[in-house]
Amino acid sequence: MKIIKIDKGEWADGLARAAGHCRLIGPRKEKAYHSFRVLGAGEVPDFDFLNTRLSPKSLVYPQSEVILEYSLDESDDDHHIMKAVEKDNSPRAVVGIRPCDAKAFVLVRQNFDTADYKDPYWLNAYEATTFVGLACESPCSTCFCTTAGCGPHHEEGLDVLLVSNGDHYLAKALTEKGGAFIQAAGWKTAAGEDAAARLDALKNAAEAKIVSAVQTGNLKTTDTNELYAAPFWEEISFSCINCGTCTYSCPTCWCFDIQDENKGKRGVRMRNWDSCMEPLFTIHGSGHNPRGSKLHRVRQRFMHKLKYFVDKYDSGIQCVGCGRCVRLCPVNIDIRRVCELMNNYGTEKNACAVSES
């Protein structure tokens, strides 16, 4: 696949040309943190960050999204009829997304794009987006992407992979959308014959900096009921305060709630992020809550990501190893340790059984 060389001195001019073909979104620093937002005229993405505090999942899946509207005014011809809200699904490009966050969309798509149901809101936003990834040079100490089916230079879910190489970027178009973006930006200079080897060297160097890992090989074969009843859940959940930070910061969490809000004779139906860590998430109309304790809720989060998802989709764990939940949890609950306990549980039980016999 052709690799393009982009001099950093020509980067801004190319983005300006691309902006004539699609909306540009990129990381910008706001106070202490970087976040993704629409770039104004003359603005360029700020790449001086390791990773954003919040994942960019909200670009496809907004935290709060109006999906339908209605009128209760009987003088209106279309009263009491739910109408779709018009969305701006014109082409756009997210420039500077990390490979782990792009891979997260691939995992989440398995929930929103099924044979039986296709979520139009998620899919239309996703299909309108070109993902221009920025490879990691110095991963965070809490990153464990290489053992979570991802990596600092991972290409799955990206349309273009950008790799910083001194005074220039090496750009690799991975899809037709990615090729169209590079063409719109006017970047045409082919990289030298050693570009592929250079990319491999940079990839290996970045992966060598990953110091954290998880083992997942036993998760699929371990009995679900035995994991559910494992004795370690009490200890893991003891310190949890059910704040939901882990779910809101996670790029692969997709839970939502639907609410109707009205004022006078007009109203909207909204989809809002929700969290399995919230007590109200599973409460029934009767008042019964099948996950009434924080142990139930903590267990559900990890069982979903590390067992139920594995069994249902057979595509690895529902995690890309970005480490956000590790860094942001106020009580230091660590998914890496939980994964170790779950992955080793069947092995430890078998070892005990052998020693007792």
Protein backbone atom coordinates (compact mmCIF):
# COMPACT_ATOMS: atom_id res chain seq x y z
CA MET A 1 0.00 0.00 0.00
CA LYS A 2 1.32 3.44 -0.94
CA ILE A 3 2.85 5.50 1.84
CA ILE A 4 2.81 9.29 1.58
CA LYS A 5 5.34 11.67 3.11
CA ILE A 6 3.85 14.86 4.56
CA ASP A 7 6.28 17.58 5.61
CA LYS A 8 5.08 19.09 8.86
CA GLY A 9 5.57 22.53 7.36
CA GLU A 10 2.89 21.64 4.78
CA TRP A 11 0.53 20.00 7.26
CA ALA A 12 -1.68 23.02 7.98
CA ASP A 13 -2.07 23.91 4.29
CA GLY A 14 -3.17 20.37 3.50
CA LEU A 15 -5.74 20.39 6.27
CA ALA A 16 -7.09 23.68 4.98
CA ARG A 17 -7.61 22.09 1.57
CA ALA A 18 -9.26 19.05 3.13
CA ALA A 19 -11.60 21.35 5.07
CA GLY A 20 -13.10 22.35 1.75
CA HIS A 21 -14.34 18.79 1.31
CA CYS A 22 -15.39 17.79 4.83
CA ARG A 23 -15.67 19.07 8.36
CA LEU A 24 -12.52 18.59 10.41
CA ILE A 25 -12.52 17.42 14.02
CA GLY A 26 -9.39 17.11 16.10
CA PRO A 27 -7.89 17.27 19.59
CA ARG A 28 -7.51 20.70 21.13
CA LYS A 29 -6.39 21.58 24.62
CA GLU A 30 -9.02 23.15 26.84
CA LYS A 31 -7.67 24.16 30.24
CA ALA A 32 -5.73 21.12 31.48
CA TYR A 33 -7.01 18.49 29.06
CA HIS A 34 -7.29 17.69 25.38
CA SER A 35 -10.64 16.84 23.84
CA PHE A 36 -11.98 16.40 20.33
CA ARG A 37 -14.02 19.19 18.79
CA VAL A 38 -14.78 20.76 15.43
CA LEU A 39 -11.79 22.73 14.17
CA GLY A 40 -12.39 26.33 13.21
CA ALA A 41 -10.85 28.09 10.21
CA GLY A 42 -7.07 28.01 10.51
CA GLU A 43 -7.07 25.66 13.50
CA VAL A 44 -5.04 22.46 13.40
CA PRO A 45 -5.18 19.47 15.74
CA ASP A 46 -2.95 19.75 18.79
CA PHE A 47 -0.97 16.51 18.94
CA ASP A 48 0.85 17.35 22.17
CA PHE A 49 -0.93 14.72 24.26
CA LEU A 50 -0.64 11.03 25.17
CA ASN A 51 -4.37 10.39 25.08
CA THR A 52 -7.51 12.37 25.76
CA ARG A 53 -9.10 12.09 29.19
CA LEU A 54 -12.44 11.12 27.65
CA SER A 55 -12.59 8.91 24.60
CA PRO A 56 -13.92 10.39 21.35
CA LYS A 57 -16.86 7.94 21.29
CA SER A 58 -19.19 10.93 21.69
CA LEU A 59 -18.38 11.98 18.11
CA VAL A 60 -20.46 9.05 16.85
CA TYR A 61 -22.51 8.41 19.95
CA PRO A 62 -23.29 11.74 21.69
CA GLN A 63 -23.67 11.81 25.45
CA SER A 64 -27.14 13.26 24.96
CA GLU A 65 -28.85 13.11 21.59
CA VAL A 66 -32.32 14.20 20.47
CA ILE A 67 -33.60 11.52 18.11
CA LEU A 68 -37.33 12.26 17.76
CA GLU A 69 -39.65 15.21 18.24
CA TYR A 70 -43.39 15.55 18.60
CA SER A 71 -46.26 17.98 19.00
CA LEU A 72 -49.26 17.58 21.27
CA ASP A 73 -51.00 20.59 19.74
CA GLU A 74 -54.07 19.23 17.95
CA SER A 75 -54.10 22.24 15.65
CA ASP A 76 -50.92 20.86 14.04
CA ASP A 77 -51.49 18.47 11.14
CA ASP A 78 -48.87 16.06 12.44
CA HIS A 79 -49.77 16.19 16.13
CA HIS A 80 -49.09 13.11 18.26
CA ILE A 81 -46.70 11.75 15.63
CA MET A 82 -43.07 11.06 16.43
CA LYS A 83 -40.86 12.61 13.76
CA ALA A 84 -37.16 11.97 13.18
CA VAL A 85 -34.92 14.93 13.95
CA GLU A 86 -32.81 16.01 10.99
CA LYS A 87 -29.14 15.18 11.49
CA ASP A 88 -26.04 16.64 9.88
CA ASN A 89 -24.40 13.53 8.49
CA SER A 90 -22.30 15.37 5.94
CA PRO A 91 -18.73 14.05 5.51
CA ARG A 92 -16.30 14.76 8.34
CA ALA A 93 -12.84 13.63 9.31
CA VAL A 94 -11.52 12.99 12.81
CA VAL A 95 -7.81 13.82 12.64
CA GLY A 96 -5.57 12.54 15.41
CA ILE A 97 -7.65 9.75 16.90
CA ARG A 98 -5.55 7.12 18.66
CA PRO A 99 -5.60 3.59 17.22
CA CYS A 100 -7.14 2.19 20.40
CA ASP A 101 -10.10 4.55 20.15
CA ALA A 102 -10.64 3.71 16.49
CA LYS A 103 -10.57 -0.02 17.31
CA ALA A 104 -13.17 0.65 20.02
CA PHE A 105 -15.68 1.73 17.36
CA VAL A 106 -15.17 -1.63 15.64
CA LEU A 107 -16.08 -3.45 18.85
CA VAL A 108 -19.05 -1.22 19.59
CA ARG A 109 -20.38 -1.64 16.05
CA GLN A 110 -21.12 -5.27 16.82
CA ASN A 111 -23.82 -4.02 19.18
CA PHE A 112 -25.32 -1.29 16.98
CA ASP A 113 -25.07 -3.09 13.62
CA THR A 114 -26.58 -6.58 13.81
CA ALA A 115 -28.51 -8.80 11.43
CA ASP A 116 -31.71 -8.14 13.37
CA TYR A 117 -31.28 -4.46 14.17
CA LYS A 118 -29.26 -1.60 12.76
CA ASP A 119 -29.17 1.58 14.82
CA PRO A 120 -29.53 4.40 12.26
CA TYR A 121 -28.26 7.15 14.57
CA TRP A 122 -24.99 5.39 15.39
CA LEU A 123 -24.41 3.95 11.92
CA ASN A 124 -25.16 7.12 9.95
CA ALA A 125 -22.74 9.13 12.09
CA TYR A 126 -20.08 6.44 11.87
CA GLU A 127 -20.33 6.01 8.09
CA ALA A 128 -20.06 9.78 7.59
CA THR A 129 -16.73 9.85 9.42
CA THR A 130 -13.21 9.35 8.13
CA PHE A 131 -10.83 8.30 10.89
CA VAL A 132 -7.30 9.64 10.51
CA GLY A 133 -5.33 7.95 13.24
CA LEU A 134 -2.22 9.19 15.02
CA ALA A 135 0.11 6.37 16.04
CA CYS A 136 1.43 6.44 19.60
CA GLU A 137 5.11 7.16 20.10
CA SER A 138 5.11 7.07 23.91
CA PRO A 139 2.16 5.09 25.31
CA CYS A 140 0.92 5.80 28.84
CA SER A 141 2.26 3.58 31.61
CA THR A 142 -1.25 2.20 32.13
CA CYS A 143 -1.75 1.21 28.48
CA PHE A 144 -2.06 -2.54 27.86
CA CYS A 145 -3.32 -2.36 24.27
CA THR A 146 -0.94 -4.93 22.80
CA THR A 147 -2.52 -7.71 24.88
CA ALA A 148 -6.07 -6.42 24.36
CA GLY A 149 -6.18 -6.97 20.61
CA CYS A 150 -4.81 -3.55 19.73
CA GLY A 151 -1.53 -1.61 19.69
CA PRO A 152 0.16 1.81 19.30
CA HIS A 153 0.10 1.48 15.49
CA HIS A 154 -3.03 -0.69 15.16
CA GLU A 155 -4.82 -0.13 11.84
CA GLU A 156 -8.24 -1.75 12.35
CA GLY A 157 -10.99 0.89 12.30
CA LEU A 158 -8.78 3.55 10.73
CA ASP A 159 -8.95 5.02 7.25
CA VAL A 160 -5.51 6.63 7.47
CA LEU A 161 -2.63 5.95 9.84
CA LEU A 162 -0.32 8.88 10.55
CA VAL A 163 3.11 8.22 12.05
CA SER A 164 5.35 11.05 13.16
CA ASN A 165 8.88 10.67 11.82
CA GLY A 166 11.02 13.66 12.65
CA ASP A 167 10.14 16.64 10.45
CA HIS A 168 7.42 14.80 8.56
CA TYR A 169 4.54 12.36 8.86
CA LEU A 170 4.30 9.05 7.12
CA ALA A 171 0.68 8.58 6.03
CA LYS A 172 -0.71 5.20 5.10
CA ALA A 173 -4.11 5.12 3.39
CA LEU A 174 -5.98 2.03 4.59
CA THR A 175 -9.39 2.48 2.91
CA GLU A 176 -10.95 4.30 -0.01
CA LYS A 177 -12.18 7.00 2.37
CA GLY A 178 -8.64 7.42 3.62
CA GLY A 179 -7.27 7.71 0.09
CA ALA A 180 -9.92 10.32 -0.72
CA PHE A 181 -8.95 12.36 2.34
CA ILE A 182 -5.27 12.35 1.40
CA GLN A 183 -6.16 13.35 -2.15
CA ALA A 184 -8.42 16.17 -0.93
CA ALA A 185 -5.56 17.47 1.22
CA GLY A 186 -3.29 17.48 -1.79
CA TRP A 187 -0.57 15.35 -0.26
CA LYS A 188 1.13 13.55 -3.13
CA THR A 189 4.77 13.03 -2.23
CA ALA A 190 5.52 9.32 -2.13
CA ALA A 191 7.71 8.20 0.75
CA GLY A 192 11.03 6.54 -0.02
CA GLU A 193 11.54 2.84 -0.62
CA ASP A 194 12.53 2.36 3.02
CA ALA A 195 9.23 3.81 4.32
CA ALA A 196 7.64 0.43 5.09
CA ALA A 197 10.74 -0.68 6.99
CA ARG A 198 10.78 2.63 8.85
CA LEU A 199 7.12 2.19 9.84
CA ASP A 200 7.86 -1.29 11.15
CA ALA A 201 10.78 0.01 13.18
CA LEU A 202 8.66 2.80 14.71
CA LYS A 203 5.88 0.32 15.46
CA ASN A 204 8.25 -2.08 17.19
CA ALA A 205 9.78 0.75 19.20
CA ALA A 206 6.37 1.95 20.38
CA GLU A 207 5.21 -1.56 21.30
CA ALA A 208 8.41 -2.11 23.27
CA LYS A 209 7.38 0.78 25.53
CA ILE A 210 4.19 -0.98 26.64
CA VAL A 211 4.94 -2.14 30.17
CA SER A 212 1.50 -3.41 31.16
CA ALA A 213 -0.32 -6.54 30.01
CA VAL A 214 -3.36 -8.73 30.55
CA GLN A 215 -3.80 -12.45 29.96
CA THR A 216 -7.10 -13.48 28.41
CA GLY A 217 -6.53 -16.98 27.05
CA ASN A 218 -8.71 -18.80 29.61
CA LEU A 219 -11.70 -16.44 29.68
CA LYS A 220 -13.73 -18.18 26.99
CA THR A 221 -13.34 -21.69 28.37
CA THR A 222 -13.96 -20.80 32.03
CA ASP A 223 -17.48 -21.67 33.14
CA THR A 224 -19.71 -18.57 33.30
CA ASN A 225 -21.60 -19.63 36.43
CA GLU A 226 -18.39 -20.41 38.27
CA LEU A 227 -16.95 -16.98 37.42
CA TYR A 228 -20.21 -15.35 38.47
CA ALA A 229 -20.01 -17.05 41.87
CA ALA A 230 -16.26 -16.48 42.33
CA PRO A 231 -15.28 -15.34 45.83
CA PHE A 232 -13.18 -12.36 44.71
CA TRP A 233 -16.10 -10.08 43.75
CA GLU A 234 -16.64 -8.97 47.33
CA GLU A 235 -13.07 -7.71 47.60
CA ILE A 236 -13.08 -6.05 44.17
CA SER A 237 -16.34 -4.19 44.77
CA PHE A 238 -15.64 -3.18 48.39
CA SER A 239 -14.14 0.23 47.58
CA CYS A 240 -16.39 1.10 44.60
CA ILE A 241 -18.47 4.26 45.03
CA ASN A 242 -20.60 3.69 41.91
CA CYS A 243 -19.50 7.00 40.37
CA GLY A 244 -19.59 5.63 36.81
CA THR A 245 -16.27 7.21 35.85
CA CYS A 246 -15.07 3.92 34.38
CA THR A 247 -18.06 3.57 32.05
CA TYR A 248 -18.25 7.19 30.92
CA SER A 249 -14.54 7.35 30.11
CA CYS A 250 -14.47 3.93 28.42
CA PRO A 251 -14.50 3.96 24.60
CA THR A 252 -16.31 0.60 24.41
CA CYS A 253 -19.18 1.19 26.86
CA TRP A 254 -22.47 1.68 25.02
CA CYS A 255 -25.30 1.58 27.60
CA PHE A 256 -28.00 4.21 27.16
CA ASP A 257 -31.40 5.33 28.42
CA ILE A 258 -34.33 6.80 26.47
CA GLN A 259 -36.25 9.74 27.93
CA ASP A 260 -39.10 11.94 26.72
CA GLU A 261 -39.02 15.59 27.71
CA ASN A 262 -41.74 18.08 26.92
CA LYS A 263 -42.50 21.70 27.53
CA GLY A 264 -46.04 22.83 26.92
CA LYS A 265 -47.33 21.04 23.85
CA ARG A 266 -44.00 20.13 22.31
CA GLY A 267 -41.46 17.58 23.27
CA VAL A 268 -38.48 15.45 22.27
CA ARG A 269 -37.29 11.92 22.74
CA MET A 270 -33.63 11.76 23.79
CA ARG A 271 -31.02 9.07 24.04
CA ASN A 272 -28.56 9.60 26.90
CA TRP A 273 -25.54 7.68 28.07
CA ASP A 274 -26.29 5.45 31.02
CA SER A 275 -24.13 3.21 33.17
CA CYS A 276 -24.41 -0.29 34.60
CA MET A 277 -22.71 1.17 37.68
CA GLU A 278 -25.74 3.31 38.52
CA PRO A 279 -28.36 1.89 40.95
CA LEU A 280 -31.23 3.12 38.75
CA PHE A 281 -29.93 1.37 35.64
CA THR A 282 -31.75 -1.91 36.31
CA ILE A 283 -34.54 -0.89 38.66
CA HIS A 284 -37.95 -2.26 37.64
CA GLY A 285 -41.25 -0.43 37.65
CA SER A 286 -42.22 -2.59 40.64
CA GLY A 287 -39.30 -1.17 42.59
CA HIS A 288 -37.35 -4.43 42.47
CA ASN A 289 -33.70 -4.09 41.44
CA PRO A 290 -31.97 -7.31 40.28
CA ARG A 291 -28.62 -5.55 40.77
CA GLY A 292 -29.40 -3.87 44.04
CA SER A 293 -25.90 -3.88 45.51
CA LYS A 294 -22.65 -2.48 44.25
CA LEU A 295 -21.19 -6.00 44.19
CA HIS A 296 -23.82 -6.93 41.60
CA ARG A 297 -23.04 -3.87 39.51
CA VAL A 298 -19.25 -4.17 39.66
CA ARG A 299 -19.48 -7.85 38.78
CA GLN A 300 -21.77 -7.04 35.83
CA ARG A 301 -19.33 -4.51 34.40
CA PHE A 302 -16.38 -6.88 34.40
CA MET A 303 -18.35 -9.98 33.46
CA HIS A 304 -19.76 -8.11 30.45
CA LYS A 305 -16.40 -6.85 29.24
CA LEU A 306 -14.32 -9.92 29.98
CA LYS A 307 -16.75 -12.85 29.73
CA TYR A 308 -20.20 -12.20 28.21
CA PHE A 309 -18.76 -10.22 25.29
CA VAL A 310 -16.10 -12.86 24.72
CA ASP A 311 -18.69 -15.63 24.62
CA LYS A 312 -21.21 -13.76 22.45
CA TYR A 313 -18.98 -12.27 19.76
CA ASP A 314 -15.85 -14.43 19.87
CA SER A 315 -13.72 -11.42 18.95
CA GLY A 316 -11.67 -10.88 22.07
CA ILE A 317 -12.50 -8.82 25.15
CA GLN A 318 -14.66 -5.67 25.14
CA CYS A 319 -11.62 -3.55 25.90
CA VAL A 320 -8.85 -1.97 23.84
CA GLY A 321 -6.37 -1.45 26.66
CA CYS A 322 -6.45 2.36 26.68
CA GLY A 323 -6.06 2.41 30.48
CA ARG A 324 -8.48 5.30 31.09
CA CYS A 325 -10.47 3.44 33.74
CA VAL A 326 -7.23 2.55 35.51
CA ARG A 327 -6.02 6.16 35.55
CA LEU A 328 -9.36 7.76 36.45
CA CYS A 329 -10.91 5.41 39.01
CA PRO A 330 -10.96 7.38 42.30
CA VAL A 331 -10.66 4.19 44.38
CA ASN A 332 -8.06 2.40 42.23
CA ILE A 333 -10.10 -0.53 40.95
CA ASP A 334 -7.89 -1.96 38.21
CA ILE A 335 -9.31 -3.90 35.26
CA ARG A 336 -5.91 -5.52 34.72
CA ARG A 337 -6.03 -7.16 38.14
CA VAL A 338 -9.67 -8.18 37.67
CA CYS A 339 -8.80 -9.74 34.32
CA GLU A 340 -5.97 -11.67 35.96
CA LEU A 341 -8.30 -13.01 38.66
CA MET A 342 -10.94 -14.01 36.11
CA ASN A 343 -8.49 -15.51 33.63
CA ASN A 344 -6.72 -17.56 36.30
CA TYR A 345 -9.81 -18.63 38.22
CA GLY A 346 -10.48 -21.88 36.37
CA THR A 347 -6.78 -22.71 36.32
CA GLU A 348 -6.44 -22.16 40.06
CA LYS A 349 -9.49 -24.29 40.79
CA ASN A 350 -8.14 -27.11 38.63
CA ALA A 351 -4.73 -26.84 40.27
CA CYS A 352 -6.35 -27.10 43.71
CA ALA A 353 -8.37 -30.11 42.61
CA VAL A 354 -5.21 -31.87 41.33
CA SER A 355 -3.28 -31.17 44.53
CA GLU A 356 -6.14 -32.41 46.71
CA SER A 357 -6.38 -35.66 44.77
